[in-house]
């Protein structure tokens, strides 16, 4: 599973934001199941302006698995936001 935050201009589905190109999303990618070829994208948060615009940096984990990140703009004073995403279940990893 890959977790990331990107502007919706970099995401095929676009976003619901009224700004050209969208406001951004944080999403996870789940690899295809055995015998399948398509990855599954799950949106964790869709930035709308009030909760931030344009995720700006990588995500970091805390000790309990919650994710934190920042947005370039948006929020109550349009100066960006720091956001927290609750811990998500991570699959077991097998080194290859």
PDB file of N, CA and C in Angstrom:
ATOM      1  N   UNK A   1       0.848  -1.158   0.000  1.00  0.00           N
ATOM      2  CA  UNK A   1       0.000   0.000   0.000  1.00  0.00           C
ATOM      3  C   UNK A   1       0.900   1.229   0.000  1.00  0.00           C
ATOM      4  N   UNK A   2       0.527   2.219  -0.789  1.00  0.00           N
ATOM      5  CA  UNK A   2       1.248   3.480  -0.852  1.00  0.00           C
ATOM      6  C   UNK A   2       0.312   4.584  -0.406  1.00  0.00           C
ATOM      7  N   UNK A   3       0.757   5.451   0.488  1.00  0.00           N
ATOM      8  CA  UNK A   3      -0.034   6.580   0.948  1.00  0.00           C
ATOM      9  C   UNK A   3       0.646   7.852   0.489  1.00  0.00           C
ATOM     10  N   UNK A   4      -0.137   8.788  -0.044  1.00  0.00           N
ATOM     11  CA  UNK A   4       0.456  10.024  -0.542  1.00  0.00           C
ATOM     12  C   UNK A   4      -0.563  11.149  -0.556  1.00  0.00           C
ATOM     13  N   UNK A   5      -0.086  12.368  -0.683  1.00  0.00           N
ATOM     14  CA  UNK A   5      -0.949  13.534  -0.849  1.00  0.00           C
ATOM     15  C   UNK A   5      -0.438  14.289  -2.063  1.00  0.00           C
ATOM     16  N   UNK A   6      -1.311  14.602  -2.965  1.00  0.00           N
ATOM     17  CA  UNK A   6      -0.942  15.277  -4.214  1.00  0.00           C
ATOM     18  C   UNK A   6      -2.016  16.270  -4.603  1.00  0.00           C
ATOM     19  N   UNK A   7      -1.653  17.205  -5.493  1.00  0.00           N
ATOM     20  CA  UNK A   7      -2.673  18.075  -6.058  1.00  0.00           C
ATOM     21  C   UNK A   7      -3.523  17.233  -6.991  1.00  0.00           C
ATOM     22  N   UNK A   8      -4.800  17.579  -7.130  1.00  0.00           N
ATOM     23  CA  UNK A   8      -5.681  16.786  -7.973  1.00  0.00           C
ATOM     24  C   UNK A   8      -5.297  16.890  -9.440  1.00  0.00           C
ATOM     25  N   UNK A   9      -4.497  17.860  -9.797  1.00  0.00           N
ATOM     26  CA  UNK A   9      -4.015  17.921 -11.175  1.00  0.00           C
ATOM     27  C   UNK A   9      -3.176  16.695 -11.494  1.00  0.00           C
ATOM     28  N   UNK A  10      -2.604  16.067 -10.463  1.00  0.00           N
ATOM     29  CA  UNK A  10      -1.793  14.872 -10.641  1.00  0.00           C
ATOM     30  C   UNK A  10      -2.612  13.601 -10.445  1.00  0.00           C
ATOM     31  N   UNK A  11      -3.905  13.744 -10.232  1.00  0.00           N
ATOM     32  CA  UNK A  11      -4.792  12.609  -9.981  1.00  0.00           C
ATOM     33  C   UNK A  11      -5.797  12.512 -11.111  1.00  0.00           C
ATOM     34  N   UNK A  12      -5.963  11.349 -11.659  1.00  0.00           N
ATOM     35  CA  UNK A  12      -6.786  11.167 -12.854  1.00  0.00           C
ATOM     36  C   UNK A  12      -8.234  11.589 -12.674  1.00  0.00           C
ATOM     37  N   UNK A  13      -8.802  11.421 -11.481  1.00  0.00           N
ATOM     38  CA  UNK A  13     -10.221  11.684 -11.283  1.00  0.00           C
ATOM     39  C   UNK A  13     -10.554  13.156 -11.060  1.00  0.00           C
ATOM     40  N   UNK A  14      -9.564  14.022 -10.872  1.00  0.00           N
ATOM     41  CA  UNK A  14      -9.849  15.417 -10.570  1.00  0.00           C
ATOM     42  C   UNK A  14     -10.398  15.563  -9.177  1.00  0.00           C
ATOM     43  N   UNK A  15     -10.994  16.704  -8.879  1.00  0.00           N
ATOM     44  CA  UNK A  15     -11.522  16.920  -7.540  1.00  0.00           C
ATOM     45  C   UNK A  15     -12.782  17.742  -7.574  1.00  0.00           C
ATOM     46  N   UNK A  16     -13.404  17.912  -6.433  1.00  0.00           N
ATOM     47  CA  UNK A  16     -14.645  18.651  -6.336  1.00  0.00           C
ATOM     48  C   UNK A  16     -14.411  20.126  -6.079  1.00  0.00           C
ATOM     49  N   UNK A  17     -13.188  20.558  -5.930  1.00  0.00           N
ATOM     50  CA  UNK A  17     -12.858  21.944  -5.638  1.00  0.00           C
ATOM     51  C   UNK A  17     -13.153  22.825  -6.846  1.00  0.00           C
ATOM     52  N   UNK A  18     -13.553  24.049  -6.595  1.00  0.00           N
ATOM     53  CA  UNK A  18     -13.866  24.958  -7.695  1.00  0.00           C
ATOM     54  C   UNK A  18     -12.623  25.569  -8.330  1.00  0.00           C
ATOM     55  N   UNK A  19     -11.462  25.377  -7.731  1.00  0.00           N
ATOM     56  CA  UNK A  19     -10.239  25.908  -8.308  1.00  0.00           C
ATOM     57  C   UNK A  19      -9.832  25.103  -9.533  1.00  0.00           C
ATOM     58  N   UNK A  20      -9.252  25.747 -10.503  1.00  0.00           N
ATOM     59  CA  UNK A  20      -8.792  25.052 -11.699  1.00  0.00           C
ATOM     60  C   UNK A  20      -7.777  23.991 -11.313  1.00  0.00           C
ATOM     61  N   UNK A  21      -8.019  22.745 -11.683  1.00  0.00           N
ATOM     62  CA  UNK A  21      -7.110  21.652 -11.332  1.00  0.00           C
ATOM     63  C   UNK A  21      -7.418  20.997 -10.013  1.00  0.00           C
ATOM     64  N   UNK A  22      -8.347  21.540  -9.228  1.00  0.00           N
ATOM     65  CA  UNK A  22      -8.712  20.939  -7.942  1.00  0.00           C
ATOM     66  C   UNK A  22      -7.835  21.419  -6.809  1.00  0.00           C
ATOM     67  N   UNK A  23      -8.212  21.049  -5.594  1.00  0.00           N
ATOM     68  CA  UNK A  23      -7.502  21.490  -4.391  1.00  0.00           C
ATOM     69  C   UNK A  23      -6.549  20.452  -3.839  1.00  0.00           C
ATOM     70  N   UNK A  24      -6.688  19.201  -4.231  1.00  0.00           N
ATOM     71  CA  UNK A  24      -5.794  18.150  -3.787  1.00  0.00           C
ATOM     72  C   UNK A  24      -6.493  17.056  -3.013  1.00  0.00           C
ATOM     73  N   UNK A  25      -5.802  15.962  -2.873  1.00  0.00           N
ATOM     74  CA  UNK A  25      -6.313  14.808  -2.136  1.00  0.00           C
ATOM     75  C   UNK A  25      -5.168  14.113  -1.420  1.00  0.00           C
ATOM     76  N   UNK A  26      -5.505  13.380  -0.380  1.00  0.00           N
ATOM     77  CA  UNK A  26      -4.590  12.401   0.210  1.00  0.00           C
ATOM     78  C   UNK A  26      -5.242  11.058  -0.070  1.00  0.00           C
ATOM     79  N   UNK A  27      -4.475  10.118  -0.595  1.00  0.00           N
ATOM     80  CA  UNK A  27      -5.061   8.841  -0.973  1.00  0.00           C
ATOM     81  C   UNK A  27      -4.088   7.703  -0.724  1.00  0.00           C
ATOM     82  N   UNK A  28      -4.634   6.491  -0.731  1.00  0.00           N
ATOM     83  CA  UNK A  28      -3.795   5.308  -0.629  1.00  0.00           C
ATOM     84  C   UNK A  28      -3.992   4.470  -1.888  1.00  0.00           C
ATOM     85  N   UNK A  29      -2.933   3.785  -2.279  1.00  0.00           N
ATOM     86  CA  UNK A  29      -2.980   2.861  -3.400  1.00  0.00           C
ATOM     87  C   UNK A  29      -2.760   1.464  -2.860  1.00  0.00           C
ATOM     88  N   UNK A  30      -3.660   0.566  -3.207  1.00  0.00           N
ATOM     89  CA  UNK A  30      -3.557  -0.822  -2.782  1.00  0.00           C
ATOM     90  C   UNK A  30      -3.201  -1.664  -3.995  1.00  0.00           C
ATOM     91  N   UNK A  31      -2.161  -2.490  -3.895  1.00  0.00           N
ATOM     92  CA  UNK A  31      -1.751  -3.293  -5.047  1.00  0.00           C
ATOM     93  C   UNK A  31      -2.854  -4.261  -5.473  1.00  0.00           C
ATOM     94  N   UNK A  32      -2.787  -4.696  -6.712  1.00  0.00           N
ATOM     95  CA  UNK A  32      -3.803  -5.626  -7.201  1.00  0.00           C
ATOM     96  C   UNK A  32      -3.762  -6.962  -6.452  1.00  0.00           C
ATOM     97  N   UNK A  33      -4.929  -7.568  -6.332  1.00  0.00           N
ATOM     98  CA  UNK A  33      -5.020  -8.904  -5.743  1.00  0.00           C
ATOM     99  C   UNK A  33      -4.399  -9.907  -6.714  1.00  0.00           C
ATOM    100  N   UNK A  34      -4.116 -11.084  -6.224  1.00  0.00           N
ATOM    101  CA  UNK A  34      -3.527 -12.124  -7.071  1.00  0.00           C
ATOM    102  C   UNK A  34      -4.393 -12.334  -8.312  1.00  0.00           C
ATOM    103  N   UNK A  35      -3.761 -12.342  -9.463  1.00  0.00           N
ATOM    104  CA  UNK A  35      -4.460 -12.544 -10.719  1.00  0.00           C
ATOM    105  C   UNK A  35      -5.085 -11.296 -11.312  1.00  0.00           C
ATOM    106  N   UNK A  36      -4.995 -10.175 -10.613  1.00  0.00           N
ATOM    107  CA  UNK A  36      -5.552  -8.909 -11.086  1.00  0.00           C
ATOM    108  C   UNK A  36      -4.416  -7.986 -11.521  1.00  0.00           C
ATOM    109  N   UNK A  37      -4.743  -6.923 -12.269  1.00  0.00           N
ATOM    110  CA  UNK A  37      -3.707  -5.996 -12.714  1.00  0.00           C
ATOM    111  C   UNK A  37      -3.958  -4.549 -12.285  1.00  0.00           C
ATOM    112  N   UNK A  38      -5.151  -4.249 -11.798  1.00  0.00           N
ATOM    113  CA  UNK A  38      -5.489  -2.860 -11.456  1.00  0.00           C
ATOM    114  C   UNK A  38      -5.250  -2.560  -9.987  1.00  0.00           C
ATOM    115  N   UNK A  39      -4.544  -1.454  -9.744  1.00  0.00           N
ATOM    116  CA  UNK A  39      -4.372  -0.949  -8.384  1.00  0.00           C
ATOM    117  C   UNK A  39      -5.665  -0.271  -7.967  1.00  0.00           C
ATOM    118  N   UNK A  40      -5.948  -0.252  -6.662  1.00  0.00           N
ATOM    119  CA  UNK A  40      -7.143   0.407  -6.138  1.00  0.00           C
ATOM    120  C   UNK A  40      -6.739   1.702  -5.452  1.00  0.00           C
ATOM    121  N   UNK A  41      -7.380   2.797  -5.839  1.00  0.00           N
ATOM    122  CA  UNK A  41      -7.148   4.098  -5.211  1.00  0.00           C
ATOM    123  C   UNK A  41      -8.289   4.391  -4.256  1.00  0.00           C
ATOM    124  N   UNK A  42      -7.945   4.745  -3.012  1.00  0.00           N
ATOM    125  CA  UNK A  42      -8.941   5.115  -2.012  1.00  0.00           C
ATOM    126  C   UNK A  42      -8.605   6.509  -1.508  1.00  0.00           C
ATOM    127  N   UNK A  43      -9.514   7.453  -1.677  1.00  0.00           N
ATOM    128  CA  UNK A  43      -9.301   8.821  -1.213  1.00  0.00           C
ATOM    129  C   UNK A  43      -9.517   8.862   0.291  1.00  0.00           C
ATOM    130  N   UNK A  44      -8.524   9.370   1.014  1.00  0.00           N
ATOM    131  CA  UNK A  44      -8.603   9.504   2.466  1.00  0.00           C
ATOM    132  C   UNK A  44      -9.153  10.870   2.862  1.00  0.00           C
ATOM    133  N   UNK A  45      -8.781  11.907   2.131  1.00  0.00           N
ATOM    134  CA  UNK A  45      -9.322  13.254   2.344  1.00  0.00           C
ATOM    135  C   UNK A  45      -9.271  14.002   1.021  1.00  0.00           C
ATOM    136  N   UNK A  46     -10.340  14.723   0.734  1.00  0.00           N
ATOM    137  CA  UNK A  46     -10.434  15.554  -0.464  1.00  0.00           C
ATOM    138  C   UNK A  46     -10.395  17.006   0.018  1.00  0.00           C
ATOM    139  N   UNK A  47      -9.322  17.709  -0.269  1.00  0.00           N
ATOM    140  CA  UNK A  47      -9.169  19.080   0.220  1.00  0.00           C
ATOM    141  C   UNK A  47     -10.117  20.012  -0.528  1.00  0.00           C
ATOM    142  N   UNK A  48     -10.840  20.830   0.235  1.00  0.00           N
ATOM    143  CA  UNK A  48     -11.899  21.663  -0.324  1.00  0.00           C
ATOM    144  C   UNK A  48     -11.631  23.155  -0.193  1.00  0.00           C
ATOM    145  N   UNK A  49     -10.567  23.537   0.463  1.00  0.00           N
ATOM    146  CA  UNK A  49     -10.280  24.948   0.717  1.00  0.00           C
ATOM    147  C   UNK A  49     -10.326  25.233   2.206  1.00  0.00           C
ATOM    148  N   UNK A  50     -11.462  24.936   2.842  1.00  0.00           N
ATOM    149  CA  UNK A  50     -11.591  25.155   4.281  1.00  0.00           C
ATOM    150  C   UNK A  50     -10.632  24.261   5.062  1.00  0.00           C
ATOM    151  N   UNK A  51     -10.384  23.051   4.557  1.00  0.00           N
ATOM    152  CA  UNK A  51      -9.467  22.131   5.230  1.00  0.00           C
ATOM    153  C   UNK A  51      -8.077  22.141   4.584  1.00  0.00           C
ATOM    154  N   UNK A  52      -7.833  23.098   3.716  1.00  0.00           N
ATOM    155  CA  UNK A  52      -6.536  23.235   3.065  1.00  0.00           C
ATOM    156  C   UNK A  52      -6.641  23.147   1.553  1.00  0.00           C
ATOM    157  N   UNK A  53      -5.606  23.620   0.891  1.00  0.00           N
ATOM    158  CA  UNK A  53      -5.489  23.583  -0.563  1.00  0.00           C
ATOM    159  C   UNK A  53      -4.055  23.204  -0.898  1.00  0.00           C
ATOM    160  N   UNK A  54      -3.892  22.316  -1.852  1.00  0.00           N
ATOM    161  CA  UNK A  54      -2.586  21.905  -2.378  1.00  0.00           C
ATOM    162  C   UNK A  54      -1.685  21.256  -1.320  1.00  0.00           C
ATOM    163  N   UNK A  55      -1.887  19.971  -1.047  1.00  0.00           N
ATOM    164  CA  UNK A  55      -0.948  19.284  -0.152  1.00  0.00           C
ATOM    165  C   UNK A  55       0.471  19.552  -0.634  1.00  0.00           C
ATOM    166  N   UNK A  56       1.340  19.902   0.299  1.00  0.00           N
ATOM    167  CA  UNK A  56       2.627  20.491  -0.080  1.00  0.00           C
ATOM    168  C   UNK A  56       3.840  19.629   0.214  1.00  0.00           C
ATOM    169  N   UNK A  57       3.752  18.733   1.148  1.00  0.00           N
ATOM    170  CA  UNK A  57       4.949  17.979   1.541  1.00  0.00           C
ATOM    171  C   UNK A  57       4.571  16.522   1.737  1.00  0.00           C
ATOM    172  N   UNK A  58       5.553  15.700   1.950  1.00  0.00           N
ATOM    173  CA  UNK A  58       5.292  14.286   2.206  1.00  0.00           C
ATOM    174  C   UNK A  58       4.547  14.084   3.508  1.00  0.00           C
ATOM    175  N   UNK A  59       3.989  12.912   3.650  1.00  0.00           N
ATOM    176  CA  UNK A  59       3.295  12.558   4.878  1.00  0.00           C
ATOM    177  C   UNK A  59       4.272  11.904   5.848  1.00  0.00           C
ATOM    178  N   UNK A  60       4.032  12.114   7.138  1.00  0.00           N
ATOM    179  CA  UNK A  60       4.847  11.452   8.145  1.00  0.00           C
ATOM    180  C   UNK A  60       3.932  10.670   9.091  1.00  0.00           C
ATOM    181  N   UNK A  61       4.444   9.571   9.622  1.00  0.00           N
ATOM    182  CA  UNK A  61       3.711   8.741  10.576  1.00  0.00           C
ATOM    183  C   UNK A  61       4.127   9.091  11.984  1.00  0.00           C
ATOM    184  N   UNK A  62       3.169   8.994  12.924  1.00  0.00           N
ATOM    185  CA  UNK A  62       3.557   9.044  14.333  1.00  0.00           C
ATOM    186  C   UNK A  62       3.678   7.604  14.833  1.00  0.00           C
ATOM    187  N   UNK A  63       3.999   7.435  16.101  1.00  0.00           N
ATOM    188  CA  UNK A  63       4.248   6.100  16.646  1.00  0.00           C
ATOM    189  C   UNK A  63       3.011   5.198  16.609  1.00  0.00           C
ATOM    190  N   UNK A  64       1.815   5.786  16.565  1.00  0.00           N
ATOM    191  CA  UNK A  64       0.583   4.993  16.553  1.00  0.00           C
ATOM    192  C   UNK A  64       0.027   4.794  15.141  1.00  0.00           C
ATOM    193  N   UNK A  65       0.721   5.318  14.133  1.00  0.00           N
ATOM    194  CA  UNK A  65       0.293   5.096  12.756  1.00  0.00           C
ATOM    195  C   UNK A  65      -0.534   6.203  12.135  1.00  0.00           C
ATOM    196  N   UNK A  66      -0.807   7.277  12.868  1.00  0.00           N
ATOM    197  CA  UNK A  66      -1.520   8.410  12.279  1.00  0.00           C
ATOM    198  C   UNK A  66      -0.578   9.117  11.297  1.00  0.00           C
ATOM    199  N   UNK A  67      -1.156   9.732  10.286  1.00  0.00           N
ATOM    200  CA  UNK A  67      -0.374  10.455   9.281  1.00  0.00           C
ATOM    201  C   UNK A  67      -0.578  11.956   9.449  1.00  0.00           C
ATOM    202  N   UNK A  68       0.496  12.706   9.206  1.00  0.00           N
ATOM    203  CA  UNK A  68       0.439  14.165   9.284  1.00  0.00           C
ATOM    204  C   UNK A  68       1.016  14.749   8.006  1.00  0.00           C
ATOM    205  N   UNK A  69       0.457  15.887   7.577  1.00  0.00           N
ATOM    206  CA  UNK A  69       0.962  16.568   6.403  1.00  0.00           C
ATOM    207  C   UNK A  69       0.575  18.038   6.453  1.00  0.00           C
ATOM    208  N   UNK A  70       0.956  18.778   5.433  1.00  0.00           N
ATOM    209  CA  UNK A  70       0.653  20.212   5.358  1.00  0.00           C
ATOM    210  C   UNK A  70       0.068  20.549   3.993  1.00  0.00           C
ATOM    211  N   UNK A  71      -0.636  21.675   3.951  1.00  0.00           N
ATOM    212  CA  UNK A  71      -1.102  22.222   2.677  1.00  0.00           C
ATOM    213  C   UNK A  71      -0.469  23.592   2.484  1.00  0.00           C
ATOM    214  N   UNK A  72      -0.317  23.960   1.239  1.00  0.00           N
ATOM    215  CA  UNK A  72       0.329  25.217   0.879  1.00  0.00           C
ATOM    216  C   UNK A  72      -0.553  26.420   1.204  1.00  0.00           C
ATOM    217  N   UNK A  73      -1.856  26.263   1.042  1.00  0.00           N
ATOM    218  CA  UNK A  73      -2.785  27.377   1.212  1.00  0.00           C
ATOM    219  C   UNK A  73      -4.078  26.843   1.801  1.00  0.00           C
ATOM    220  N   UNK A  74      -5.088  27.702   1.876  1.00  0.00           N
ATOM    221  CA  UNK A  74      -6.387  27.316   2.411  1.00  0.00           C
ATOM    222  C   UNK A  74      -6.417  27.415   3.915  1.00  0.00           C
ATOM    223  N   UNK A  75      -7.471  26.900   4.507  1.00  0.00           N
ATOM    224  CA  UNK A  75      -7.662  27.006   5.943  1.00  0.00           C
ATOM    225  C   UNK A  75      -8.335  28.313   6.306  1.00  0.00           C
ATOM    226  N   UNK A  76      -8.494  28.567   7.581  1.00  0.00           N
ATOM    227  CA  UNK A  76      -9.252  29.729   8.044  1.00  0.00           C
ATOM    228  C   UNK A  76      -8.616  31.061   7.673  1.00  0.00           C
ATOM    229  N   UNK A  77      -7.296  31.120   7.561  1.00  0.00           N
ATOM    230  CA  UNK A  77      -6.636  32.384   7.222  1.00  0.00           C
ATOM    231  C   UNK A  77      -5.928  32.308   5.866  1.00  0.00           C
ATOM    232  N   UNK A  78      -6.216  31.270   5.086  1.00  0.00           N
ATOM    233  CA  UNK A  78      -5.619  31.060   3.756  1.00  0.00           C
ATOM    234  C   UNK A  78      -4.103  30.925   3.790  1.00  0.00           C
ATOM    235  N   UNK A  79      -3.559  30.566   4.953  1.00  0.00           N
ATOM    236  CA  UNK A  79      -2.117  30.409   5.078  1.00  0.00           C
ATOM    237  C   UNK A  79      -1.666  28.961   5.091  1.00  0.00           C
ATOM    238  N   UNK A  80      -2.577  28.039   4.784  1.00  0.00           N
ATOM    239  CA  UNK A  80      -2.245  26.616   4.798  1.00  0.00           C
ATOM    240  C   UNK A  80      -2.701  25.954   6.077  1.00  0.00           C
ATOM    241  N   UNK A  81      -2.595  24.650   6.084  1.00  0.00           N
ATOM    242  CA  UNK A  81      -3.032  23.872   7.240  1.00  0.00           C
ATOM    243  C   UNK A  81      -2.036  22.760   7.534  1.00  0.00           C
ATOM    244  N   UNK A  82      -2.101  22.252   8.749  1.00  0.00           N
ATOM    245  CA  UNK A  82      -1.456  21.006   9.126  1.00  0.00           C
ATOM    246  C   UNK A  82      -2.620  20.046   9.355  1.00  0.00           C
ATOM    247  N   UNK A  83      -2.572  18.874   8.732  1.00  0.00           N
ATOM    248  CA  UNK A  83      -3.677  17.944   8.873  1.00  0.00           C
ATOM    249  C   UNK A  83      -3.204  16.616   9.432  1.00  0.00           C
ATOM    250  N   UNK A  84      -4.148  15.910  10.070  1.00  0.00           N
ATOM    251  CA  UNK A  84      -3.893  14.589  10.627  1.00  0.00           C
ATOM    252  C   UNK A  84      -4.891  13.616  10.016  1.00  0.00           C
ATOM    253  N   UNK A  85      -4.394  12.472   9.581  1.00  0.00           N
ATOM    254  CA  UNK A  85      -5.241  11.391   9.094  1.00  0.00           C
ATOM    255  C   UNK A  85      -5.125  10.253  10.096  1.00  0.00           C
ATOM    256  N   UNK A  86      -6.261   9.669  10.497  1.00  0.00           N
ATOM    257  CA  UNK A  86      -6.190   8.588  11.485  1.00  0.00           C
ATOM    258  C   UNK A  86      -5.346   7.424  10.982  1.00  0.00           C
ATOM    259  N   UNK A  87      -4.880   6.626  11.905  1.00  0.00           N
ATOM    260  CA  UNK A  87      -4.077   5.447  11.552  1.00  0.00           C
ATOM    261  C   UNK A  87      -4.874   4.544  10.625  1.00  0.00           C
ATOM    262  N   UNK A  88      -4.184   3.985   9.643  1.00  0.00           N
ATOM    263  CA  UNK A  88      -4.804   3.040   8.717  1.00  0.00           C
ATOM    264  C   UNK A  88      -4.122   1.694   8.878  1.00  0.00           C
ATOM    265  N   UNK A  89      -4.855   0.637   8.607  1.00  0.00           N
ATOM    266  CA  UNK A  89      -4.276  -0.696   8.704  1.00  0.00           C
ATOM    267  C   UNK A  89      -3.256  -0.879   7.600  1.00  0.00           C
ATOM    268  N   UNK A  90      -2.065  -1.267   7.975  1.00  0.00           N
ATOM    269  CA  UNK A  90      -0.993  -1.498   7.015  1.00  0.00           C
ATOM    270  C   UNK A  90      -0.815  -2.989   6.835  1.00  0.00           C
ATOM    271  N   UNK A  91      -0.755  -3.441   5.577  1.00  0.00           N
ATOM    272  CA  UNK A  91      -0.531  -4.864   5.353  1.00  0.00           C
ATOM    273  C   UNK A  91       0.888  -5.263   5.740  1.00  0.00           C
ATOM    274  N   UNK A  92       1.056  -6.535   6.007  1.00  0.00           N
ATOM    275  CA  UNK A  92       2.397  -7.054   6.290  1.00  0.00           C
ATOM    276  C   UNK A  92       3.246  -6.905   5.042  1.00  0.00           C
ATOM    277  N   UNK A  93       4.510  -6.564   5.220  1.00  0.00           N
ATOM    278  CA  UNK A  93       5.418  -6.385   4.083  1.00  0.00           C
ATOM    279  C   UNK A  93       6.393  -7.553   4.030  1.00  0.00           C
ATOM    280  N   UNK A  94       6.624  -8.017   2.830  1.00  0.00           N
ATOM    281  CA  UNK A  94       7.586  -9.073   2.612  1.00  0.00           C
ATOM    282  C   UNK A  94       8.699  -8.530   1.745  1.00  0.00           C
ATOM    283  N   UNK A  95       9.934  -8.455   2.228  1.00  0.00           N
ATOM    284  CA  UNK A  95      11.027  -7.944   1.409  1.00  0.00           C
ATOM    285  C   UNK A  95      11.214  -8.825   0.165  1.00  0.00           C
ATOM    286  N   UNK A  96      11.508  -8.165  -0.939  1.00  0.00           N
ATOM    287  CA  UNK A  96      11.776  -8.929  -2.178  1.00  0.00           C
ATOM    288  C   UNK A  96      13.142  -8.596  -2.718  1.00  0.00           C
TER     289      UNK A  96
END
